[in-house]
């Protein structure tokens, strides 16, 4: 079975890399589902969204909260270059809930979107 080579990086670190069956990302133009053989694409990530990766080994889907950035596909390689990125398994849910509450009280729509994305990536109610 064909796979994708995937790299999810932020300025601080490589968040995840490996082989995948599928990648789903939310761009400013809509949601993209990428499978092996997909045509080349370059998109702008929706700030405060998630990227979901289905690992090639059949393991559980990997979900990451991402800030603004870019998403590119070429020759079965997917690069996600995000200003901020955090795996759902790394999210401190209580801290994310506090950030959401603070953003809501300050009418900070970007902060609210990012906090909600972190909670969704962690599998918590947003």
PDB file of N, CA and C in Angstrom:
ATOM      1  N   UNK A   1       0.840  -1.190   0.000  1.00  0.00           N
ATOM      2  CA  UNK A   1       0.000   0.000   0.000  1.00  0.00           C
ATOM      3  C   UNK A   1       0.880   1.246   0.000  1.00  0.00           C
ATOM      4  N   UNK A   2       0.549   2.205  -0.851  1.00  0.00           N
ATOM      5  CA  UNK A   2       1.301   3.456  -0.917  1.00  0.00           C
ATOM      6  C   UNK A   2       1.042   4.278   0.344  1.00  0.00           C
ATOM      7  N   UNK A   3       2.034   5.040   0.738  1.00  0.00           N
ATOM      8  CA  UNK A   3       1.907   5.892   1.918  1.00  0.00           C
ATOM      9  C   UNK A   3       2.397   7.292   1.603  1.00  0.00           C
ATOM     10  N   UNK A   4       2.161   8.173   2.541  1.00  0.00           N
ATOM     11  CA  UNK A   4       2.643   9.554   2.484  1.00  0.00           C
ATOM     12  C   UNK A   4       3.785   9.723   3.470  1.00  0.00           C
ATOM     13  N   UNK A   5       4.761  10.512   3.109  1.00  0.00           N
ATOM     14  CA  UNK A   5       5.798  10.914   4.058  1.00  0.00           C
ATOM     15  C   UNK A   5       5.332  12.259   4.620  1.00  0.00           C
ATOM     16  N   UNK A   6       5.161  12.308   5.941  1.00  0.00           N
ATOM     17  CA  UNK A   6       4.563  13.484   6.570  1.00  0.00           C
ATOM     18  C   UNK A   6       5.530  14.114   7.565  1.00  0.00           C
ATOM     19  N   UNK A   7       5.599  15.434   7.535  1.00  0.00           N
ATOM     20  CA  UNK A   7       6.359  16.190   8.522  1.00  0.00           C
ATOM     21  C   UNK A   7       5.517  17.339   9.037  1.00  0.00           C
ATOM     22  N   UNK A   8       5.340  17.405  10.345  1.00  0.00           N
ATOM     23  CA  UNK A   8       4.612  18.494  11.005  1.00  0.00           C
ATOM     24  C   UNK A   8       5.623  19.221  11.873  1.00  0.00           C
ATOM     25  N   UNK A   9       5.917  20.465  11.519  1.00  0.00           N
ATOM     26  CA  UNK A   9       6.951  21.203  12.240  1.00  0.00           C
ATOM     27  C   UNK A   9       6.459  22.586  12.643  1.00  0.00           C
ATOM     28  N   UNK A  10       7.051  23.076  13.719  1.00  0.00           N
ATOM     29  CA  UNK A  10       6.852  24.451  14.176  1.00  0.00           C
ATOM     30  C   UNK A  10       8.241  25.075  14.279  1.00  0.00           C
ATOM     31  N   UNK A  11       8.340  26.363  14.506  1.00  0.00           N
ATOM     32  CA  UNK A  11       9.673  26.969  14.636  1.00  0.00           C
ATOM     33  C   UNK A  11      10.496  26.367  15.774  1.00  0.00           C
ATOM     34  N   UNK A  12       9.826  25.845  16.799  1.00  0.00           N
ATOM     35  CA  UNK A  12      10.532  25.311  17.959  1.00  0.00           C
ATOM     36  C   UNK A  12      11.040  23.887  17.772  1.00  0.00           C
ATOM     37  N   UNK A  13      10.291  23.072  16.948  1.00  0.00           N
ATOM     38  CA  UNK A  13      10.642  21.653  16.906  1.00  0.00           C
ATOM     39  C   UNK A  13       9.891  20.918  15.797  1.00  0.00           C
ATOM     40  N   UNK A  14      10.352  19.696  15.576  1.00  0.00           N
ATOM     41  CA  UNK A  14       9.600  18.777  14.724  1.00  0.00           C
ATOM     42  C   UNK A  14       8.565  18.127  15.636  1.00  0.00           C
ATOM     43  N   UNK A  15       7.299  18.357  15.356  1.00  0.00           N
ATOM     44  CA  UNK A  15       6.223  17.882  16.208  1.00  0.00           C
ATOM     45  C   UNK A  15       5.920  16.410  15.925  1.00  0.00           C
ATOM     46  N   UNK A  16       5.884  16.033  14.639  1.00  0.00           N
ATOM     47  CA  UNK A  16       5.655  14.642  14.270  1.00  0.00           C
ATOM     48  C   UNK A  16       6.175  14.417  12.859  1.00  0.00           C
ATOM     49  N   UNK A  17       6.745  13.255  12.622  1.00  0.00           N
ATOM     50  CA  UNK A  17       7.113  12.872  11.260  1.00  0.00           C
ATOM     51  C   UNK A  17       6.997  11.367  11.134  1.00  0.00           C
ATOM     52  N   UNK A  18       6.689  10.929   9.940  1.00  0.00           N
ATOM     53  CA  UNK A  18       6.573   9.504   9.701  1.00  0.00           C
ATOM     54  C   UNK A  18       5.746   9.221   8.466  1.00  0.00           C
ATOM     55  N   UNK A  19       5.391   7.959   8.317  1.00  0.00           N
ATOM     56  CA  UNK A  19       4.584   7.503   7.193  1.00  0.00           C
ATOM     57  C   UNK A  19       3.111   7.508   7.601  1.00  0.00           C
ATOM     58  N   UNK A  20       2.254   7.908   6.651  1.00  0.00           N
ATOM     59  CA  UNK A  20       0.826   7.987   6.939  1.00  0.00           C
ATOM     60  C   UNK A  20       0.006   7.501   5.752  1.00  0.00           C
ATOM     61  N   UNK A  21      -1.198   7.064   6.061  1.00  0.00           N
ATOM     62  CA  UNK A  21      -2.161   6.668   5.027  1.00  0.00           C
ATOM     63  C   UNK A  21      -2.962   7.872   4.542  1.00  0.00           C
ATOM     64  N   UNK A  22      -3.186   8.823   5.465  1.00  0.00           N
ATOM     65  CA  UNK A  22      -4.016   9.982   5.141  1.00  0.00           C
ATOM     66  C   UNK A  22      -3.696  11.132   6.085  1.00  0.00           C
ATOM     67  N   UNK A  23      -3.854  12.350   5.573  1.00  0.00           N
ATOM     68  CA  UNK A  23      -3.697  13.567   6.379  1.00  0.00           C
ATOM     69  C   UNK A  23      -4.897  14.462   6.077  1.00  0.00           C
ATOM     70  N   UNK A  24      -5.476  15.020   7.129  1.00  0.00           N
ATOM     71  CA  UNK A  24      -6.600  15.950   6.976  1.00  0.00           C
ATOM     72  C   UNK A  24      -6.205  17.262   7.642  1.00  0.00           C
ATOM     73  N   UNK A  25      -6.359  18.360   6.896  1.00  0.00           N
ATOM     74  CA  UNK A  25      -6.020  19.684   7.432  1.00  0.00           C
ATOM     75  C   UNK A  25      -7.085  20.689   7.019  1.00  0.00           C
ATOM     76  N   UNK A  26      -7.274  21.684   7.869  1.00  0.00           N
ATOM     77  CA  UNK A  26      -8.221  22.757   7.591  1.00  0.00           C
ATOM     78  C   UNK A  26      -7.430  23.959   7.079  1.00  0.00           C
ATOM     79  N   UNK A  27      -7.707  24.356   5.838  1.00  0.00           N
ATOM     80  CA  UNK A  27      -7.069  25.545   5.277  1.00  0.00           C
ATOM     81  C   UNK A  27      -8.095  26.673   5.253  1.00  0.00           C
ATOM     82  N   UNK A  28      -7.649  27.863   4.921  1.00  0.00           N
ATOM     83  CA  UNK A  28      -8.573  28.992   4.858  1.00  0.00           C
ATOM     84  C   UNK A  28      -9.598  28.807   3.733  1.00  0.00           C
ATOM     85  N   UNK A  29      -9.320  27.905   2.797  1.00  0.00           N
ATOM     86  CA  UNK A  29     -10.249  27.650   1.689  1.00  0.00           C
ATOM     87  C   UNK A  29     -11.115  26.417   1.911  1.00  0.00           C
ATOM     88  N   UNK A  30     -10.893  25.697   3.002  1.00  0.00           N
ATOM     89  CA  UNK A  30     -11.692  24.520   3.292  1.00  0.00           C
ATOM     90  C   UNK A  30     -10.835  23.367   3.774  1.00  0.00           C
ATOM     91  N   UNK A  31     -11.495  22.273   4.083  1.00  0.00           N
ATOM     92  CA  UNK A  31     -10.799  21.103   4.612  1.00  0.00           C
ATOM     93  C   UNK A  31     -10.236  20.274   3.459  1.00  0.00           C
ATOM     94  N   UNK A  32      -8.998  19.801   3.639  1.00  0.00           N
ATOM     95  CA  UNK A  32      -8.341  18.956   2.654  1.00  0.00           C
ATOM     96  C   UNK A  32      -8.069  17.585   3.254  1.00  0.00           C
ATOM     97  N   UNK A  33      -8.411  16.559   2.510  1.00  0.00           N
ATOM     98  CA  UNK A  33      -8.044  15.199   2.869  1.00  0.00           C
ATOM     99  C   UNK A  33      -7.034  14.720   1.843  1.00  0.00           C
ATOM    100  N   UNK A  34      -5.867  14.343   2.293  1.00  0.00           N
ATOM    101  CA  UNK A  34      -4.778  13.964   1.386  1.00  0.00           C
ATOM    102  C   UNK A  34      -4.467  12.478   1.544  1.00  0.00           C
ATOM    103  N   UNK A  35      -4.455  11.794   0.420  1.00  0.00           N
ATOM    104  CA  UNK A  35      -4.085  10.378   0.383  1.00  0.00           C
ATOM    105  C   UNK A  35      -2.967  10.225  -0.645  1.00  0.00           C
ATOM    106  N   UNK A  36      -2.266   9.088  -0.639  1.00  0.00           N
ATOM    107  CA  UNK A  36      -1.198   8.886  -1.618  1.00  0.00           C
ATOM    108  C   UNK A  36      -1.700   9.117  -3.048  1.00  0.00           C
ATOM    109  N   UNK A  37      -0.856   9.748  -3.854  1.00  0.00           N
ATOM    110  CA  UNK A  37      -1.201  10.048  -5.233  1.00  0.00           C
ATOM    111  C   UNK A  37      -1.926  11.366  -5.430  1.00  0.00           C
ATOM    112  N   UNK A  38      -2.120  12.127  -4.359  1.00  0.00           N
ATOM    113  CA  UNK A  38      -2.830  13.407  -4.453  1.00  0.00           C
ATOM    114  C   UNK A  38      -2.048  14.393  -5.313  1.00  0.00           C
ATOM    115  N   UNK A  39      -2.750  15.228  -6.032  1.00  0.00           N
ATOM    116  CA  UNK A  39      -2.127  16.277  -6.839  1.00  0.00           C
ATOM    117  C   UNK A  39      -1.413  17.268  -5.928  1.00  0.00           C
ATOM    118  N   UNK A  40      -0.387  17.947  -6.437  1.00  0.00           N
ATOM    119  CA  UNK A  40       0.309  18.967  -5.631  1.00  0.00           C
ATOM    120  C   UNK A  40      -0.658  20.056  -5.156  1.00  0.00           C
ATOM    121  N   UNK A  41      -0.467  20.468  -3.915  1.00  0.00           N
ATOM    122  CA  UNK A  41      -1.317  21.486  -3.302  1.00  0.00           C
ATOM    123  C   UNK A  41      -0.457  22.353  -2.398  1.00  0.00           C
ATOM    124  N   UNK A  42      -0.774  23.626  -2.357  1.00  0.00           N
ATOM    125  CA  UNK A  42      -0.184  24.534  -1.375  1.00  0.00           C
ATOM    126  C   UNK A  42      -1.338  25.303  -0.764  1.00  0.00           C
ATOM    127  N   UNK A  43      -1.444  25.258   0.561  1.00  0.00           N
ATOM    128  CA  UNK A  43      -2.547  25.929   1.233  1.00  0.00           C
ATOM    129  C   UNK A  43      -2.088  26.660   2.472  1.00  0.00           C
ATOM    130  N   UNK A  44      -2.922  27.573   2.925  1.00  0.00           N
ATOM    131  CA  UNK A  44      -2.680  28.326   4.152  1.00  0.00           C
ATOM    132  C   UNK A  44      -3.534  27.703   5.242  1.00  0.00           C
ATOM    133  N   UNK A  45      -2.887  27.273   6.333  1.00  0.00           N
ATOM    134  CA  UNK A  45      -3.617  26.658   7.444  1.00  0.00           C
ATOM    135  C   UNK A  45      -4.551  27.667   8.094  1.00  0.00           C
ATOM    136  N   UNK A  46      -5.706  27.194   8.507  1.00  0.00           N
ATOM    137  CA  UNK A  46      -6.620  28.020   9.275  1.00  0.00           C
ATOM    138  C   UNK A  46      -6.079  28.115  10.695  1.00  0.00           C
ATOM    139  N   UNK A  47      -5.831  29.315  11.151  1.00  0.00           N
ATOM    140  CA  UNK A  47      -5.301  29.536  12.499  1.00  0.00           C
ATOM    141  C   UNK A  47      -6.310  29.031  13.514  1.00  0.00           C
ATOM    142  N   UNK A  48      -5.856  28.169  14.426  1.00  0.00           N
ATOM    143  CA  UNK A  48      -6.747  27.613  15.434  1.00  0.00           C
ATOM    144  C   UNK A  48      -7.541  26.435  14.900  1.00  0.00           C
ATOM    145  N   UNK A  49      -6.876  25.564  14.161  1.00  0.00           N
ATOM    146  CA  UNK A  49      -7.539  24.371  13.636  1.00  0.00           C
ATOM    147  C   UNK A  49      -6.719  23.139  14.007  1.00  0.00           C
ATOM    148  N   UNK A  50      -7.134  21.986  13.494  1.00  0.00           N
ATOM    149  CA  UNK A  50      -6.406  20.756  13.772  1.00  0.00           C
ATOM    150  C   UNK A  50      -5.908  20.125  12.485  1.00  0.00           C
ATOM    151  N   UNK A  51      -4.833  19.387  12.624  1.00  0.00           N
ATOM    152  CA  UNK A  51      -4.339  18.516  11.560  1.00  0.00           C
ATOM    153  C   UNK A  51      -4.465  17.103  12.100  1.00  0.00           C
ATOM    154  N   UNK A  52      -5.028  16.214  11.292  1.00  0.00           N
ATOM    155  CA  UNK A  52      -5.211  14.820  11.710  1.00  0.00           C
ATOM    156  C   UNK A  52      -4.423  13.922  10.770  1.00  0.00           C
ATOM    157  N   UNK A  53      -3.722  12.954  11.357  1.00  0.00           N
ATOM    158  CA  UNK A  53      -2.854  12.057  10.599  1.00  0.00           C
ATOM    159  C   UNK A  53      -3.218  10.624  10.927  1.00  0.00           C
ATOM    160  N   UNK A  54      -3.461   9.821   9.880  1.00  0.00           N
ATOM    161  CA  UNK A  54      -3.690   8.395  10.068  1.00  0.00           C
ATOM    162  C   UNK A  54      -2.363   7.684   9.805  1.00  0.00           C
ATOM    163  N   UNK A  55      -1.701   7.181  10.838  1.00  0.00           N
ATOM    164  CA  UNK A  55      -0.393   6.549  10.652  1.00  0.00           C
ATOM    165  C   UNK A  55      -0.475   5.312   9.755  1.00  0.00           C
ATOM    166  N   UNK A  56       0.576   5.079   9.006  1.00  0.00           N
ATOM    167  CA  UNK A  56       0.620   3.937   8.092  1.00  0.00           C
ATOM    168  C   UNK A  56       0.592   2.606   8.826  1.00  0.00           C
ATOM    169  N   UNK A  57       1.028   2.589  10.081  1.00  0.00           N
ATOM    170  CA  UNK A  57       1.069   1.330  10.830  1.00  0.00           C
ATOM    171  C   UNK A  57      -0.299   0.907  11.367  1.00  0.00           C
ATOM    172  N   UNK A  58      -1.337   1.690  11.056  1.00  0.00           N
ATOM    173  CA  UNK A  58      -2.683   1.341  11.490  1.00  0.00           C
ATOM    174  C   UNK A  58      -3.008   1.769  12.903  1.00  0.00           C
ATOM    175  N   UNK A  59      -2.112   2.512  13.541  1.00  0.00           N
ATOM    176  CA  UNK A  59      -2.361   2.993  14.894  1.00  0.00           C
ATOM    177  C   UNK A  59      -3.452   4.051  14.930  1.00  0.00           C
ATOM    178  N   UNK A  60      -3.699   4.559  16.123  1.00  0.00           N
ATOM    179  CA  UNK A  60      -4.715   5.591  16.295  1.00  0.00           C
ATOM    180  C   UNK A  60      -4.330   6.868  15.561  1.00  0.00           C
ATOM    181  N   UNK A  61      -5.364   7.578  15.105  1.00  0.00           N
ATOM    182  CA  UNK A  61      -5.142   8.857  14.442  1.00  0.00           C
ATOM    183  C   UNK A  61      -4.404   9.800  15.389  1.00  0.00           C
ATOM    184  N   UNK A  62      -3.533  10.595  14.839  1.00  0.00           N
ATOM    185  CA  UNK A  62      -2.778  11.603  15.585  1.00  0.00           C
ATOM    186  C   UNK A  62      -3.430  12.948  15.284  1.00  0.00           C
ATOM    187  N   UNK A  63      -3.734  13.698  16.322  1.00  0.00           N
ATOM    188  CA  UNK A  63      -4.352  15.008  16.146  1.00  0.00           C
ATOM    189  C   UNK A  63      -3.461  16.067  16.762  1.00  0.00           C
ATOM    190  N   UNK A  64      -3.260  17.157  16.021  1.00  0.00           N
ATOM    191  CA  UNK A  64      -2.455  18.266  16.519  1.00  0.00           C
ATOM    192  C   UNK A  64      -3.222  19.570  16.331  1.00  0.00           C
ATOM    193  N   UNK A  65      -3.155  20.428  17.321  1.00  0.00           N
ATOM    194  CA  UNK A  65      -3.692  21.781  17.202  1.00  0.00           C
ATOM    195  C   UNK A  65      -2.621  22.625  16.531  1.00  0.00           C
ATOM    196  N   UNK A  66      -3.014  23.434  15.562  1.00  0.00           N
ATOM    197  CA  UNK A  66      -2.046  24.263  14.841  1.00  0.00           C
ATOM    198  C   UNK A  66      -2.495  25.713  14.783  1.00  0.00           C
ATOM    199  N   UNK A  67      -1.496  26.585  14.740  1.00  0.00           N
ATOM    200  CA  UNK A  67      -1.736  27.992  14.496  1.00  0.00           C
ATOM    201  C   UNK A  67      -1.590  28.253  13.012  1.00  0.00           C
ATOM    202  N   UNK A  68      -1.409  29.476  12.644  1.00  0.00           N
ATOM    203  CA  UNK A  68      -1.277  29.798  11.233  1.00  0.00           C
ATOM    204  C   UNK A  68      -0.039  29.126  10.650  1.00  0.00           C
ATOM    205  N   UNK A  69      -0.035  28.978   9.351  1.00  0.00           N
ATOM    206  CA  UNK A  69       1.099  28.356   8.682  1.00  0.00           C
ATOM    207  C   UNK A  69       0.717  27.876   7.304  1.00  0.00           C
ATOM    208  N   UNK A  70       1.491  26.926   6.785  1.00  0.00           N
ATOM    209  CA  UNK A  70       1.300  26.437   5.429  1.00  0.00           C
ATOM    210  C   UNK A  70       1.223  24.922   5.399  1.00  0.00           C
ATOM    211  N   UNK A  71       0.583  24.439   4.347  1.00  0.00           N
ATOM    212  CA  UNK A  71       0.369  23.014   4.136  1.00  0.00           C
ATOM    213  C   UNK A  71       0.726  22.754   2.685  1.00  0.00           C
ATOM    214  N   UNK A  72       1.664  21.837   2.435  1.00  0.00           N
ATOM    215  CA  UNK A  72       2.016  21.553   1.044  1.00  0.00           C
ATOM    216  C   UNK A  72       2.052  20.055   0.793  1.00  0.00           C
ATOM    217  N   UNK A  73       1.695  19.697  -0.432  1.00  0.00           N
ATOM    218  CA  UNK A  73       1.689  18.310  -0.870  1.00  0.00           C
ATOM    219  C   UNK A  73       2.387  18.240  -2.213  1.00  0.00           C
ATOM    220  N   UNK A  74       3.348  17.325  -2.350  1.00  0.00           N
ATOM    221  CA  UNK A  74       4.018  17.079  -3.622  1.00  0.00           C
ATOM    222  C   UNK A  74       4.691  15.720  -3.558  1.00  0.00           C
ATOM    223  N   UNK A  75       4.490  14.910  -4.589  1.00  0.00           N
ATOM    224  CA  UNK A  75       5.156  13.604  -4.698  1.00  0.00           C
ATOM    225  C   UNK A  75       5.001  12.747  -3.443  1.00  0.00           C
ATOM    226  N   UNK A  76       3.790  12.639  -2.936  1.00  0.00           N
ATOM    227  CA  UNK A  76       3.487  11.833  -1.744  1.00  0.00           C
ATOM    228  C   UNK A  76       4.222  12.305  -0.495  1.00  0.00           C
ATOM    229  N   UNK A  77       4.584  13.568  -0.466  1.00  0.00           N
ATOM    230  CA  UNK A  77       5.158  14.173   0.736  1.00  0.00           C
ATOM    231  C   UNK A  77       4.252  15.311   1.182  1.00  0.00           C
ATOM    232  N   UNK A  78       3.926  15.303   2.465  1.00  0.00           N
ATOM    233  CA  UNK A  78       3.075  16.333   3.051  1.00  0.00           C
ATOM    234  C   UNK A  78       3.900  17.082   4.091  1.00  0.00           C
ATOM    235  N   UNK A  79       3.981  18.390   3.924  1.00  0.00           N
ATOM    236  CA  UNK A  79       4.685  19.236   4.889  1.00  0.00           C
ATOM    237  C   UNK A  79       3.685  20.191   5.519  1.00  0.00           C
ATOM    238  N   UNK A  80       3.647  20.180   6.840  1.00  0.00           N
ATOM    239  CA  UNK A  80       2.799  21.099   7.585  1.00  0.00           C
ATOM    240  C   UNK A  80       3.749  21.986   8.378  1.00  0.00           C
ATOM    241  N   UNK A  81       3.784  23.252   8.011  1.00  0.00           N
ATOM    242  CA  UNK A  81       4.682  24.221   8.637  1.00  0.00           C
ATOM    243  C   UNK A  81       3.811  25.199   9.417  1.00  0.00           C
ATOM    244  N   UNK A  82       3.723  25.010  10.721  1.00  0.00           N
ATOM    245  CA  UNK A  82       2.805  25.780  11.550  1.00  0.00           C
ATOM    246  C   UNK A  82       3.545  26.717  12.498  1.00  0.00           C
ATOM    247  N   UNK A  83       2.990  27.898  12.664  1.00  0.00           N
ATOM    248  CA  UNK A  83       3.560  28.866  13.604  1.00  0.00           C
ATOM    249  C   UNK A  83       3.548  28.311  15.024  1.00  0.00           C
ATOM    250  N   UNK A  84       2.462  27.607  15.365  1.00  0.00           N
ATOM    251  CA  UNK A  84       2.357  26.881  16.628  1.00  0.00           C
ATOM    252  C   UNK A  84       1.779  25.510  16.311  1.00  0.00           C
ATOM    253  N   UNK A  85       2.262  24.501  17.002  1.00  0.00           N
ATOM    254  CA  UNK A  85       1.712  23.150  16.827  1.00  0.00           C
ATOM    255  C   UNK A  85       1.926  22.362  18.110  1.00  0.00           C
ATOM    256  N   UNK A  86       0.894  21.611  18.470  1.00  0.00           N
ATOM    257  CA  UNK A  86       0.943  20.819  19.695  1.00  0.00           C
ATOM    258  C   UNK A  86       0.113  19.564  19.503  1.00  0.00           C
ATOM    259  N   UNK A  87       0.700  18.412  19.749  1.00  0.00           N
ATOM    260  CA  UNK A  87      -0.038  17.167  19.666  1.00  0.00           C
ATOM    261  C   UNK A  87      -1.112  17.138  20.743  1.00  0.00           C
ATOM    262  N   UNK A  88      -2.235  16.531  20.422  1.00  0.00           N
ATOM    263  CA  UNK A  88      -3.323  16.425  21.391  1.00  0.00           C
ATOM    264  C   UNK A  88      -2.897  15.752  22.680  1.00  0.00           C
ATOM    265  N   UNK A  89      -1.977  14.789  22.578  1.00  0.00           N
ATOM    266  CA  UNK A  89      -1.499  14.072  23.762  1.00  0.00           C
ATOM    267  C   UNK A  89      -0.629  14.950  24.656  1.00  0.00           C
ATOM    268  N   UNK A  90      -0.182  16.079  24.141  1.00  0.00           N
ATOM    269  CA  UNK A  90       0.673  16.987  24.914  1.00  0.00           C
ATOM    270  C   UNK A  90      -0.098  18.130  25.567  1.00  0.00           C
ATOM    271  N   UNK A  91      -1.361  18.285  25.208  1.00  0.00           N
ATOM    272  CA  UNK A  91      -2.151  19.428  25.684  1.00  0.00           C
ATOM    273  C   UNK A  91      -2.474  19.287  27.161  1.00  0.00           C
ATOM    274  N   UNK A  92      -2.206  20.328  27.908  1.00  0.00           N
ATOM    275  CA  UNK A  92      -2.637  20.435  29.298  1.00  0.00           C
ATOM    276  C   UNK A  92      -4.074  20.971  29.249  1.00  0.00           C
ATOM    277  N   UNK A  93      -5.028  20.099  29.456  1.00  0.00           N
ATOM    278  CA  UNK A  93      -6.442  20.468  29.301  1.00  0.00           C
ATOM    279  C   UNK A  93      -6.860  21.610  30.213  1.00  0.00           C
ATOM    280  N   UNK A  94      -6.409  21.590  31.442  1.00  0.00           N
ATOM    281  CA  UNK A  94      -6.789  22.655  32.382  1.00  0.00           C
ATOM    282  C   UNK A  94      -6.238  23.999  31.915  1.00  0.00           C
ATOM    283  N   UNK A  95      -5.002  23.999  31.471  1.00  0.00           N
ATOM    284  CA  UNK A  95      -4.400  25.235  30.967  1.00  0.00           C
ATOM    285  C   UNK A  95      -5.155  25.723  29.730  1.00  0.00           C
ATOM    286  N   UNK A  96      -5.540  24.802  28.859  1.00  0.00           N
ATOM    287  CA  UNK A  96      -6.294  25.174  27.658  1.00  0.00           C
ATOM    288  C   UNK A  96      -7.666  25.735  28.025  1.00  0.00           C
ATOM    289  N   UNK A  97      -8.314  25.149  29.030  1.00  0.00           N
ATOM    290  CA  UNK A  97      -9.618  25.672  29.479  1.00  0.00           C
ATOM    291  C   UNK A  97      -9.470  27.082  30.047  1.00  0.00           C
ATOM    292  N   UNK A  98      -8.403  27.305  30.809  1.00  0.00           N
ATOM    293  CA  UNK A  98      -8.149  28.638  31.353  1.00  0.00           C
ATOM    294  C   UNK A  98      -7.889  29.643  30.230  1.00  0.00           C
ATOM    295  N   UNK A  99      -7.129  29.219  29.213  1.00  0.00           N
ATOM    296  CA  UNK A  99      -6.848  30.094  28.068  1.00  0.00           C
ATOM    297  C   UNK A  99      -8.135  30.423  27.316  1.00  0.00           C
ATOM    298  N   UNK A 100      -9.024  29.435  27.189  1.00  0.00           N
ATOM    299  CA  UNK A 100     -10.304  29.665  26.527  1.00  0.00           C
ATOM    300  C   UNK A 100     -11.144  30.662  27.314  1.00  0.00           C
ATOM    301  N   UNK A 101     -11.222  30.498  28.614  1.00  0.00           N
ATOM    302  CA  UNK A 101     -11.995  31.411  29.459  1.00  0.00           C
ATOM    303  C   UNK A 101     -11.451  32.831  29.374  1.00  0.00           C
ATOM    304  N   UNK A 102     -10.124  32.943  29.432  1.00  0.00           N
ATOM    305  CA  UNK A 102      -9.479  34.255  29.353  1.00  0.00           C
ATOM    306  C   UNK A 102      -9.750  34.909  27.995  1.00  0.00           C
ATOM    307  N   UNK A 103      -9.621  34.145  26.921  1.00  0.00           N
ATOM    308  CA  UNK A 103      -9.850  34.686  25.575  1.00  0.00           C
ATOM    309  C   UNK A 103     -11.297  35.141  25.413  1.00  0.00           C
ATOM    310  N   UNK A 104     -12.230  34.360  25.954  1.00  0.00           N
ATOM    311  CA  UNK A 104     -13.639  34.742  25.862  1.00  0.00           C
ATOM    312  C   UNK A 104     -13.914  36.033  26.627  1.00  0.00           C
ATOM    313  N   UNK A 105     -13.318  36.177  27.800  1.00  0.00           N
ATOM    314  CA  UNK A 105     -13.560  37.388  28.598  1.00  0.00           C
ATOM    315  C   UNK A 105     -12.912  38.619  27.966  1.00  0.00           C
ATOM    316  N   UNK A 106     -11.869  38.410  27.174  1.00  0.00           N
ATOM    317  CA  UNK A 106     -11.174  39.523  26.518  1.00  0.00           C
ATOM    318  C   UNK A 106     -11.621  39.729  25.072  1.00  0.00           C
ATOM    319  N   UNK A 107     -12.643  38.960  24.629  1.00  0.00           N
ATOM    320  CA  UNK A 107     -13.098  39.014  23.237  1.00  0.00           C
ATOM    321  C   UNK A 107     -11.958  38.806  22.243  1.00  0.00           C
ATOM    322  N   UNK A 108     -11.066  37.896  22.569  1.00  0.00           N
ATOM    323  CA  UNK A 108      -9.912  37.552  21.732  1.00  0.00           C
ATOM    324  C   UNK A 108     -10.294  36.362  20.864  1.00  0.00           C
ATOM    325  N   UNK A 109     -10.779  36.625  19.647  1.00  0.00           N
ATOM    326  CA  UNK A 109     -11.280  35.542  18.797  1.00  0.00           C
ATOM    327  C   UNK A 109     -10.173  34.579  18.367  1.00  0.00           C
ATOM    328  N   UNK A 110      -8.996  35.071  18.089  1.00  0.00           N
ATOM    329  CA  UNK A 110      -7.891  34.180  17.697  1.00  0.00           C
ATOM    330  C   UNK A 110      -7.493  33.302  18.874  1.00  0.00           C
ATOM    331  N   UNK A 111      -7.353  33.893  20.047  1.00  0.00           N
ATOM    332  CA  UNK A 111      -7.017  33.127  21.242  1.00  0.00           C
ATOM    333  C   UNK A 111      -8.080  32.086  21.555  1.00  0.00           C
ATOM    334  N   UNK A 112      -9.340  32.449  21.352  1.00  0.00           N
ATOM    335  CA  UNK A 112     -10.437  31.508  21.601  1.00  0.00           C
ATOM    336  C   UNK A 112     -10.372  30.344  20.610  1.00  0.00           C
ATOM    337  N   UNK A 113     -10.145  30.643  19.320  1.00  0.00           N
ATOM    338  CA  UNK A 113     -10.032  29.575  18.313  1.00  0.00           C
ATOM    339  C   UNK A 113      -8.882  28.631  18.637  1.00  0.00           C
ATOM    340  N   UNK A 114      -7.738  29.196  19.043  1.00  0.00           N
ATOM    341  CA  UNK A 114      -6.572  28.369  19.368  1.00  0.00           C
ATOM    342  C   UNK A 114      -6.835  27.492  20.595  1.00  0.00           C
ATOM    343  N   UNK A 115      -7.458  28.055  21.615  1.00  0.00           N
ATOM    344  CA  UNK A 115      -7.754  27.281  22.825  1.00  0.00           C
ATOM    345  C   UNK A 115      -8.744  26.164  22.514  1.00  0.00           C
ATOM    346  N   UNK A 116      -9.757  26.462  21.711  1.00  0.00           N
ATOM    347  CA  UNK A 116     -10.726  25.439  21.328  1.00  0.00           C
ATOM    348  C   UNK A 116     -10.050  24.329  20.517  1.00  0.00           C
ATOM    349  N   UNK A 117      -9.133  24.698  19.622  1.00  0.00           N
ATOM    350  CA  UNK A 117      -8.407  23.692  18.823  1.00  0.00           C
ATOM    351  C   UNK A 117      -7.575  22.797  19.727  1.00  0.00           C
ATOM    352  N   UNK A 118      -6.934  23.372  20.731  1.00  0.00           N
ATOM    353  CA  UNK A 118      -6.131  22.578  21.658  1.00  0.00           C
ATOM    354  C   UNK A 118      -7.023  21.590  22.405  1.00  0.00           C
ATOM    355  N   UNK A 119      -8.183  22.040  22.854  1.00  0.00           N
ATOM    356  CA  UNK A 119      -9.096  21.157  23.570  1.00  0.00           C
ATOM    357  C   UNK A 119      -9.624  20.045  22.663  1.00  0.00           C
ATOM    358  N   UNK A 120      -9.990  20.395  21.429  1.00  0.00           N
ATOM    359  CA  UNK A 120     -10.470  19.368  20.492  1.00  0.00           C
ATOM    360  C   UNK A 120      -9.366  18.361  20.187  1.00  0.00           C
ATOM    361  N   UNK A 121      -8.140  18.837  19.999  1.00  0.00           N
ATOM    362  CA  UNK A 121      -7.021  17.932  19.717  1.00  0.00           C
ATOM    363  C   UNK A 121      -6.795  16.965  20.879  1.00  0.00           C
ATOM    364  N   UNK A 122      -7.069  17.449  22.092  1.00  0.00           N
ATOM    365  CA  UNK A 122      -6.890  16.615  23.285  1.00  0.00           C
ATOM    366  C   UNK A 122      -8.085  15.706  23.546  1.00  0.00           C
ATOM    367  N   UNK A 123      -9.120  15.843  22.719  1.00  0.00           N
ATOM    368  CA  UNK A 123     -10.304  15.013  22.903  1.00  0.00           C
ATOM    369  C   UNK A 123     -11.232  15.511  23.988  1.00  0.00           C
ATOM    370  N   UNK A 124     -11.107  16.794  24.332  1.00  0.00           N
ATOM    371  CA  UNK A 124     -11.945  17.381  25.388  1.00  0.00           C
ATOM    372  C   UNK A 124     -13.021  18.253  24.759  1.00  0.00           C
ATOM    373  N   UNK A 125     -14.044  18.551  25.517  1.00  0.00           N
ATOM    374  CA  UNK A 125     -15.087  19.462  25.051  1.00  0.00           C
ATOM    375  C   UNK A 125     -14.492  20.839  24.820  1.00  0.00           C
ATOM    376  N   UNK A 126     -14.850  21.411  23.693  1.00  0.00           N
ATOM    377  CA  UNK A 126     -14.362  22.765  23.379  1.00  0.00           C
ATOM    378  C   UNK A 126     -15.527  23.677  23.425  1.00  0.00           C
TER     379      UNK A 126
END
